């Protein structure tokens, strides 16, 4: 299991994405593990103020090991976090 912070990219009037986060897509490669989240948008017009993150636990079917953990919310995916000792 890995814990990540999910920050919504869209405007959400300062609300956390908690309760609107879709299940993650996890891509396992030989040298990396990429995690991608989506969020369901709020209805109506939203202001673009601070976007508080929501902590989410992800159960992985494979250990990360020596692979890089990548954030798939951007392209190209970017490294995030640190490997466990």
PDB file of N, CA and C in Angstrom:
ATOM      1  N   UNK A   1       0.843  -1.170   0.000  1.00  0.00           N
ATOM      2  CA  UNK A   1       0.000   0.000   0.000  1.00  0.00           C
ATOM      3  C   UNK A   1       0.893   1.239   0.000  1.00  0.00           C
ATOM      4  N   UNK A   2       0.427   2.268  -0.696  1.00  0.00           N
ATOM      5  CA  UNK A   2       1.113   3.556  -0.728  1.00  0.00           C
ATOM      6  C   UNK A   2       0.055   4.638  -0.473  1.00  0.00           C
ATOM      7  N   UNK A   3       0.445   5.648   0.275  1.00  0.00           N
ATOM      8  CA  UNK A   3      -0.460   6.774   0.530  1.00  0.00           C
ATOM      9  C   UNK A   3      -0.025   7.945  -0.340  1.00  0.00           C
ATOM     10  N   UNK A   4      -1.006   8.558  -0.984  1.00  0.00           N
ATOM     11  CA  UNK A   4      -0.718   9.691  -1.872  1.00  0.00           C
ATOM     12  C   UNK A   4      -1.663  10.838  -1.551  1.00  0.00           C
ATOM     13  N   UNK A   5      -1.283  12.031  -1.962  1.00  0.00           N
ATOM     14  CA  UNK A   5      -2.145  13.196  -1.857  1.00  0.00           C
ATOM     15  C   UNK A   5      -2.700  13.496  -3.243  1.00  0.00           C
ATOM     16  N   UNK A   6      -4.019  13.583  -3.328  1.00  0.00           N
ATOM     17  CA  UNK A   6      -4.681  13.883  -4.592  1.00  0.00           C
ATOM     18  C   UNK A   6      -5.144  15.333  -4.543  1.00  0.00           C
ATOM     19  N   UNK A   7      -4.645  16.139  -5.476  1.00  0.00           N
ATOM     20  CA  UNK A   7      -5.044  17.537  -5.584  1.00  0.00           C
ATOM     21  C   UNK A   7      -5.769  17.707  -6.911  1.00  0.00           C
ATOM     22  N   UNK A   8      -6.953  18.243  -6.848  1.00  0.00           N
ATOM     23  CA  UNK A   8      -7.747  18.442  -8.055  1.00  0.00           C
ATOM     24  C   UNK A   8      -7.122  19.535  -8.913  1.00  0.00           C
ATOM     25  N   UNK A   9      -7.088  19.326 -10.213  1.00  0.00           N
ATOM     26  CA  UNK A   9      -6.525  20.323 -11.112  1.00  0.00           C
ATOM     27  C   UNK A   9      -7.548  21.385 -11.496  1.00  0.00           C
ATOM     28  N   UNK A  10      -8.829  21.024 -11.507  1.00  0.00           N
ATOM     29  CA  UNK A  10      -9.888  21.967 -11.880  1.00  0.00           C
ATOM     30  C   UNK A  10     -10.247  22.875 -10.700  1.00  0.00           C
ATOM     31  N   UNK A  11     -10.891  23.968 -10.994  1.00  0.00           N
ATOM     32  CA  UNK A  11     -11.372  24.877  -9.950  1.00  0.00           C
ATOM     33  C   UNK A  11     -12.488  24.184  -9.171  1.00  0.00           C
ATOM     34  N   UNK A  12     -12.457  24.329  -7.837  1.00  0.00           N
ATOM     35  CA  UNK A  12     -13.449  23.655  -6.991  1.00  0.00           C
ATOM     36  C   UNK A  12     -13.850  24.508  -5.793  1.00  0.00           C
ATOM     37  N   UNK A  13     -13.744  25.822  -5.910  1.00  0.00           N
ATOM     38  CA  UNK A  13     -14.148  26.751  -4.842  1.00  0.00           C
ATOM     39  C   UNK A  13     -13.514  26.422  -3.493  1.00  0.00           C
ATOM     40  N   UNK A  14     -12.278  25.980  -3.524  1.00  0.00           N
ATOM     41  CA  UNK A  14     -11.550  25.707  -2.287  1.00  0.00           C
ATOM     42  C   UNK A  14     -11.915  24.399  -1.608  1.00  0.00           C
ATOM     43  N   UNK A  15     -12.697  23.556  -2.255  1.00  0.00           N
ATOM     44  CA  UNK A  15     -13.110  22.282  -1.670  1.00  0.00           C
ATOM     45  C   UNK A  15     -12.119  21.172  -2.001  1.00  0.00           C
ATOM     46  N   UNK A  16     -11.977  20.251  -1.069  1.00  0.00           N
ATOM     47  CA  UNK A  16     -11.164  19.055  -1.269  1.00  0.00           C
ATOM     48  C   UNK A  16     -11.876  18.127  -2.263  1.00  0.00           C
ATOM     49  N   UNK A  17     -11.133  17.313  -2.999  1.00  0.00           N
ATOM     50  CA  UNK A  17     -11.766  16.361  -3.907  1.00  0.00           C
ATOM     51  C   UNK A  17     -12.309  15.111  -3.186  1.00  0.00           C
ATOM     52  N   UNK A  18     -12.155  15.078  -1.870  1.00  0.00           N
ATOM     53  CA  UNK A  18     -12.610  13.908  -1.106  1.00  0.00           C
ATOM     54  C   UNK A  18     -14.080  13.610  -1.433  1.00  0.00           C
ATOM     55  N   UNK A  19     -14.353  12.330  -1.691  1.00  0.00           N
ATOM     56  CA  UNK A  19     -15.707  11.905  -2.045  1.00  0.00           C
ATOM     57  C   UNK A  19     -15.999  11.982  -3.530  1.00  0.00           C
ATOM     58  N   UNK A  20     -15.086  12.583  -4.303  1.00  0.00           N
ATOM     59  CA  UNK A  20     -15.278  12.720  -5.751  1.00  0.00           C
ATOM     60  C   UNK A  20     -14.122  12.117  -6.540  1.00  0.00           C
ATOM     61  N   UNK A  21     -13.274  11.375  -5.848  1.00  0.00           N
ATOM     62  CA  UNK A  21     -12.090  10.791  -6.481  1.00  0.00           C
ATOM     63  C   UNK A  21     -12.446   9.418  -7.059  1.00  0.00           C
ATOM     64  N   UNK A  22     -12.167   9.248  -8.344  1.00  0.00           N
ATOM     65  CA  UNK A  22     -12.399   7.963  -9.001  1.00  0.00           C
ATOM     66  C   UNK A  22     -11.290   6.984  -8.611  1.00  0.00           C
ATOM     67  N   UNK A  23     -11.555   5.682  -8.700  1.00  0.00           N
ATOM     68  CA  UNK A  23     -10.497   4.708  -8.407  1.00  0.00           C
ATOM     69  C   UNK A  23      -9.280   4.953  -9.301  1.00  0.00           C
ATOM     70  N   UNK A  24      -8.082   4.688  -8.788  1.00  0.00           N
ATOM     71  CA  UNK A  24      -6.876   4.975  -9.572  1.00  0.00           C
ATOM     72  C   UNK A  24      -6.653   3.979 -10.701  1.00  0.00           C
ATOM     73  N   UNK A  25      -5.953   4.465 -11.694  1.00  0.00           N
ATOM     74  CA  UNK A  25      -5.378   3.592 -12.716  1.00  0.00           C
ATOM     75  C   UNK A  25      -3.913   3.464 -12.349  1.00  0.00           C
ATOM     76  N   UNK A  26      -3.425   2.227 -12.272  1.00  0.00           N
ATOM     77  CA  UNK A  26      -2.023   1.986 -11.916  1.00  0.00           C
ATOM     78  C   UNK A  26      -1.368   1.250 -13.076  1.00  0.00           C
ATOM     79  N   UNK A  27      -0.264   1.802 -13.557  1.00  0.00           N
ATOM     80  CA  UNK A  27       0.475   1.206 -14.667  1.00  0.00           C
ATOM     81  C   UNK A  27       1.799   0.696 -14.132  1.00  0.00           C
ATOM     82  N   UNK A  28       2.009  -0.609 -14.249  1.00  0.00           N
ATOM     83  CA  UNK A  28       3.228  -1.250 -13.759  1.00  0.00           C
ATOM     84  C   UNK A  28       4.175  -1.476 -14.932  1.00  0.00           C
ATOM     85  N   UNK A  29       5.376  -0.928 -14.825  1.00  0.00           N
ATOM     86  CA  UNK A  29       6.414  -1.142 -15.831  1.00  0.00           C
ATOM     87  C   UNK A  29       7.646  -1.680 -15.119  1.00  0.00           C
ATOM     88  N   UNK A  30       8.599  -2.118 -15.879  1.00  0.00           N
ATOM     89  CA  UNK A  30       9.815  -2.686 -15.302  1.00  0.00           C
ATOM     90  C   UNK A  30      10.566  -1.687 -14.430  1.00  0.00           C
ATOM     91  N   UNK A  31      10.565  -0.413 -14.830  1.00  0.00           N
ATOM     92  CA  UNK A  31      11.345   0.598 -14.113  1.00  0.00           C
ATOM     93  C   UNK A  31      10.504   1.633 -13.365  1.00  0.00           C
ATOM     94  N   UNK A  32       9.157   1.518 -13.446  1.00  0.00           N
ATOM     95  CA  UNK A  32       8.318   2.526 -12.794  1.00  0.00           C
ATOM     96  C   UNK A  32       6.928   1.977 -12.468  1.00  0.00           C
ATOM     97  N   UNK A  33       6.262   2.679 -11.546  1.00  0.00           N
ATOM     98  CA  UNK A  33       4.848   2.452 -11.244  1.00  0.00           C
ATOM     99  C   UNK A  33       4.194   3.825 -11.338  1.00  0.00           C
ATOM    100  N   UNK A  34       3.213   3.951 -12.238  1.00  0.00           N
ATOM    101  CA  UNK A  34       2.531   5.219 -12.439  1.00  0.00           C
ATOM    102  C   UNK A  34       1.120   5.121 -11.885  1.00  0.00           C
ATOM    103  N   UNK A  35       0.726   6.126 -11.085  1.00  0.00           N
ATOM    104  CA  UNK A  35      -0.617   6.175 -10.518  1.00  0.00           C
ATOM    105  C   UNK A  35      -1.333   7.403 -11.079  1.00  0.00           C
ATOM    106  N   UNK A  36      -2.561   7.168 -11.576  1.00  0.00           N
ATOM    107  CA  UNK A  36      -3.353   8.236 -12.170  1.00  0.00           C
ATOM    108  C   UNK A  36      -4.722   8.258 -11.487  1.00  0.00           C
ATOM    109  N   UNK A  37      -5.135   9.443 -11.032  1.00  0.00           N
ATOM    110  CA  UNK A  37      -6.457   9.632 -10.443  1.00  0.00           C
ATOM    111  C   UNK A  37      -7.251  10.605 -11.285  1.00  0.00           C
ATOM    112  N   UNK A  38      -8.548  10.436 -11.276  1.00  0.00           N
ATOM    113  CA  UNK A  38      -9.464  11.406 -11.851  1.00  0.00           C
ATOM    114  C   UNK A  38     -10.427  11.845 -10.753  1.00  0.00           C
ATOM    115  N   UNK A  39     -11.035  13.001 -10.935  1.00  0.00           N
ATOM    116  CA  UNK A  39     -12.035  13.476  -9.982  1.00  0.00           C
ATOM    117  C   UNK A  39     -13.297  13.862 -10.733  1.00  0.00           C
ATOM    118  N   UNK A  40     -14.442  13.664 -10.094  1.00  0.00           N
ATOM    119  CA  UNK A  40     -15.705  14.099 -10.657  1.00  0.00           C
ATOM    120  C   UNK A  40     -15.848  15.593 -10.369  1.00  0.00           C
ATOM    121  N   UNK A  41     -16.125  16.400 -11.381  1.00  0.00           N
ATOM    122  CA  UNK A  41     -16.218  17.851 -11.159  1.00  0.00           C
ATOM    123  C   UNK A  41     -17.457  18.216 -10.344  1.00  0.00           C
ATOM    124  N   UNK A  42     -17.372  19.333  -9.675  1.00  0.00           N
ATOM    125  CA  UNK A  42     -18.522  19.885  -8.964  1.00  0.00           C
ATOM    126  C   UNK A  42     -19.460  20.521  -9.979  1.00  0.00           C
ATOM    127  N   UNK A  43     -20.757  20.480  -9.706  1.00  0.00           N
ATOM    128  CA  UNK A  43     -21.738  21.091 -10.600  1.00  0.00           C
ATOM    129  C   UNK A  43     -21.663  22.611 -10.487  1.00  0.00           C
ATOM    130  N   UNK A  44     -21.980  23.272 -11.569  1.00  0.00           N
ATOM    131  CA  UNK A  44     -22.058  24.727 -11.559  1.00  0.00           C
ATOM    132  C   UNK A  44     -20.706  25.407 -11.652  1.00  0.00           C
ATOM    133  N   UNK A  45     -20.743  26.716 -11.554  1.00  0.00           N
ATOM    134  CA  UNK A  45     -19.538  27.537 -11.645  1.00  0.00           C
ATOM    135  C   UNK A  45     -18.756  27.459 -10.341  1.00  0.00           C
ATOM    136  N   UNK A  46     -17.449  27.307 -10.446  1.00  0.00           N
ATOM    137  CA  UNK A  46     -16.572  27.211  -9.278  1.00  0.00           C
ATOM    138  C   UNK A  46     -15.500  28.296  -9.370  1.00  0.00           C
ATOM    139  N   UNK A  47     -15.077  28.791  -8.222  1.00  0.00           N
ATOM    140  CA  UNK A  47     -13.979  29.745  -8.197  1.00  0.00           C
ATOM    141  C   UNK A  47     -12.663  28.984  -8.101  1.00  0.00           C
ATOM    142  N   UNK A  48     -11.596  29.655  -8.469  1.00  0.00           N
ATOM    143  CA  UNK A  48     -10.272  29.023  -8.487  1.00  0.00           C
ATOM    144  C   UNK A  48      -9.420  29.528  -7.331  1.00  0.00           C
ATOM    145  N   UNK A  49      -9.751  29.094  -6.145  1.00  0.00           N
ATOM    146  CA  UNK A  49      -8.932  29.427  -4.981  1.00  0.00           C
ATOM    147  C   UNK A  49      -8.118  28.201  -4.580  1.00  0.00           C
ATOM    148  N   UNK A  50      -7.584  28.210  -3.384  1.00  0.00           N
ATOM    149  CA  UNK A  50      -6.737  27.100  -2.927  1.00  0.00           C
ATOM    150  C   UNK A  50      -7.421  25.758  -3.173  1.00  0.00           C
ATOM    151  N   UNK A  51      -6.613  24.767  -3.511  1.00  0.00           N
ATOM    152  CA  UNK A  51      -7.126  23.423  -3.781  1.00  0.00           C
ATOM    153  C   UNK A  51      -6.541  22.466  -2.745  1.00  0.00           C
ATOM    154  N   UNK A  52      -7.234  22.227  -1.631  1.00  0.00           N
ATOM    155  CA  UNK A  52      -6.692  21.343  -0.608  1.00  0.00           C
ATOM    156  C   UNK A  52      -6.651  19.895  -1.106  1.00  0.00           C
ATOM    157  N   UNK A  53      -5.580  19.176  -0.804  1.00  0.00           N
ATOM    158  CA  UNK A  53      -5.474  17.784  -1.239  1.00  0.00           C
ATOM    159  C   UNK A  53      -6.271  16.845  -0.331  1.00  0.00           C
ATOM    160  N   UNK A  54      -6.512  15.654  -0.827  1.00  0.00           N
ATOM    161  CA  UNK A  54      -7.127  14.575  -0.055  1.00  0.00           C
ATOM    162  C   UNK A  54      -6.130  13.423  -0.008  1.00  0.00           C
ATOM    163  N   UNK A  55      -5.939  12.827   1.165  1.00  0.00           N
ATOM    164  CA  UNK A  55      -5.034  11.677   1.287  1.00  0.00           C
ATOM    165  C   UNK A  55      -5.788  10.412   0.904  1.00  0.00           C
ATOM    166  N   UNK A  56      -5.166   9.619   0.035  1.00  0.00           N
ATOM    167  CA  UNK A  56      -5.782   8.388  -0.462  1.00  0.00           C
ATOM    168  C   UNK A  56      -4.761   7.260  -0.336  1.00  0.00           C
ATOM    169  N   UNK A  57      -5.219   6.093   0.105  1.00  0.00           N
ATOM    170  CA  UNK A  57      -4.367   4.902   0.160  1.00  0.00           C
ATOM    171  C   UNK A  57      -4.627   4.071  -1.087  1.00  0.00           C
ATOM    172  N   UNK A  58      -3.552   3.600  -1.706  1.00  0.00           N
ATOM    173  CA  UNK A  58      -3.655   2.791  -2.919  1.00  0.00           C
ATOM    174  C   UNK A  58      -3.034   1.430  -2.632  1.00  0.00           C
ATOM    175  N   UNK A  59      -3.831   0.380  -2.788  1.00  0.00           N
ATOM    176  CA  UNK A  59      -3.306  -0.980  -2.645  1.00  0.00           C
ATOM    177  C   UNK A  59      -2.688  -1.384  -3.972  1.00  0.00           C
ATOM    178  N   UNK A  60      -1.405  -1.651  -3.951  1.00  0.00           N
ATOM    179  CA  UNK A  60      -0.694  -2.057  -5.166  1.00  0.00           C
ATOM    180  C   UNK A  60      -0.634  -3.581  -5.245  1.00  0.00           C
ATOM    181  N   UNK A  61      -0.765  -4.126  -6.438  1.00  0.00           N
ATOM    182  CA  UNK A  61      -0.698  -5.584  -6.596  1.00  0.00           C
ATOM    183  C   UNK A  61       0.743  -6.071  -6.716  1.00  0.00           C
ATOM    184  N   UNK A  62       1.676  -5.126  -6.885  1.00  0.00           N
ATOM    185  CA  UNK A  62       3.103  -5.449  -6.953  1.00  0.00           C
ATOM    186  C   UNK A  62       3.852  -4.469  -6.058  1.00  0.00           C
ATOM    187  N   UNK A  63       4.946  -4.917  -5.422  1.00  0.00           N
ATOM    188  CA  UNK A  63       5.757  -3.974  -4.641  1.00  0.00           C
ATOM    189  C   UNK A  63       6.454  -2.972  -5.577  1.00  0.00           C
ATOM    190  N   UNK A  64       6.678  -1.777  -5.077  1.00  0.00           N
ATOM    191  CA  UNK A  64       7.386  -0.771  -5.875  1.00  0.00           C
ATOM    192  C   UNK A  64       8.840  -1.188  -6.063  1.00  0.00           C
ATOM    193  N   UNK A  65       9.442  -1.733  -4.999  1.00  0.00           N
ATOM    194  CA  UNK A  65      10.834  -2.167  -5.088  1.00  0.00           C
ATOM    195  C   UNK A  65      11.746  -1.019  -5.473  1.00  0.00           C
ATOM    196  N   UNK A  66      12.579  -1.227  -6.476  1.00  0.00           N
ATOM    197  CA  UNK A  66      13.522  -0.199  -6.931  1.00  0.00           C
ATOM    198  C   UNK A  66      12.953   0.689  -8.032  1.00  0.00           C
ATOM    199  N   UNK A  67      11.687   0.506  -8.353  1.00  0.00           N
ATOM    200  CA  UNK A  67      11.079   1.295  -9.420  1.00  0.00           C
ATOM    201  C   UNK A  67      10.770   2.718  -8.933  1.00  0.00           C
ATOM    202  N   UNK A  68      10.654   3.621  -9.875  1.00  0.00           N
ATOM    203  CA  UNK A  68      10.302   5.011  -9.589  1.00  0.00           C
ATOM    204  C   UNK A  68       8.777   5.100  -9.517  1.00  0.00           C
ATOM    205  N   UNK A  69       8.262   5.829  -8.513  1.00  0.00           N
ATOM    206  CA  UNK A  69       6.830   6.081  -8.409  1.00  0.00           C
ATOM    207  C   UNK A  69       6.532   7.359  -9.182  1.00  0.00           C
ATOM    208  N   UNK A  70       5.628   7.262 -10.178  1.00  0.00           N
ATOM    209  CA  UNK A  70       5.337   8.403 -11.042  1.00  0.00           C
ATOM    210  C   UNK A  70       3.913   8.905 -10.850  1.00  0.00           C
ATOM    211  N   UNK A  71       3.762  10.226 -10.913  1.00  0.00           N
ATOM    212  CA  UNK A  71       2.479  10.908 -10.850  1.00  0.00           C
ATOM    213  C   UNK A  71       1.980  11.053 -12.282  1.00  0.00           C
ATOM    214  N   UNK A  72       0.911  10.344 -12.603  1.00  0.00           N
ATOM    215  CA  UNK A  72       0.384  10.362 -13.956  1.00  0.00           C
ATOM    216  C   UNK A  72      -0.612  11.473 -14.220  1.00  0.00           C
ATOM    217  N   UNK A  73      -0.756  12.432 -13.305  1.00  0.00           N
ATOM    218  CA  UNK A  73      -1.692  13.532 -13.528  1.00  0.00           C
ATOM    219  C   UNK A  73      -1.127  14.579 -14.478  1.00  0.00           C
ATOM    220  N   UNK A  74       0.155  14.462 -14.786  1.00  0.00           N
ATOM    221  CA  UNK A  74       0.802  15.381 -15.723  1.00  0.00           C
ATOM    222  C   UNK A  74       1.465  14.555 -16.829  1.00  0.00           C
ATOM    223  N   UNK A  75       1.739  15.197 -17.951  1.00  0.00           N
ATOM    224  CA  UNK A  75       2.434  14.513 -19.038  1.00  0.00           C
ATOM    225  C   UNK A  75       3.627  15.342 -19.465  1.00  0.00           C
ATOM    226  N   UNK A  76       4.798  14.749 -19.475  1.00  0.00           N
ATOM    227  CA  UNK A  76       5.048  13.362 -19.079  1.00  0.00           C
ATOM    228  C   UNK A  76       4.930  13.186 -17.563  1.00  0.00           C
ATOM    229  N   UNK A  77       4.674  11.953 -17.156  1.00  0.00           N
ATOM    230  CA  UNK A  77       4.537  11.644 -15.729  1.00  0.00           C
ATOM    231  C   UNK A  77       5.811  12.048 -14.990  1.00  0.00           C
ATOM    232  N   UNK A  78       5.632  12.531 -13.744  1.00  0.00           N
ATOM    233  CA  UNK A  78       6.767  13.027 -12.957  1.00  0.00           C
ATOM    234  C   UNK A  78       6.986  12.173 -11.720  1.00  0.00           C
ATOM    235  N   UNK A  79       8.248  12.002 -11.322  1.00  0.00           N
ATOM    236  CA  UNK A  79       8.552  11.255 -10.084  1.00  0.00           C
ATOM    237  C   UNK A  79       7.963  11.953  -8.870  1.00  0.00           C
ATOM    238  N   UNK A  80       7.499  11.156  -7.926  1.00  0.00           N
ATOM    239  CA  UNK A  80       6.956  11.676  -6.680  1.00  0.00           C
ATOM    240  C   UNK A  80       7.410  10.788  -5.542  1.00  0.00           C
ATOM    241  N   UNK A  81       7.521  11.372  -4.366  1.00  0.00           N
ATOM    242  CA  UNK A  81       7.814  10.599  -3.157  1.00  0.00           C
ATOM    243  C   UNK A  81       9.226  10.063  -3.107  1.00  0.00           C
ATOM    244  N   UNK A  82       9.437   9.240  -2.112  1.00  0.00           N
ATOM    245  CA  UNK A  82      10.734   8.620  -1.905  1.00  0.00           C
ATOM    246  C   UNK A  82      10.561   7.133  -1.740  1.00  0.00           C
ATOM    247  N   UNK A  83      11.538   6.384  -2.129  1.00  0.00           N
ATOM    248  CA  UNK A  83      11.499   4.938  -1.946  1.00  0.00           C
ATOM    249  C   UNK A  83      11.644   4.618  -0.475  1.00  0.00           C
ATOM    250  N   UNK A  84      10.957   3.580  -0.036  1.00  0.00           N
ATOM    251  CA  UNK A  84      11.063   3.152   1.369  1.00  0.00           C
ATOM    252  C   UNK A  84      12.417   2.512   1.599  1.00  0.00           C
ATOM    253  N   UNK A  85      12.974   2.680   2.799  1.00  0.00           N
ATOM    254  CA  UNK A  85      14.299   2.082   3.072  1.00  0.00           C
ATOM    255  C   UNK A  85      14.238   0.568   3.096  1.00  0.00           C
TER     256      UNK A  85
END
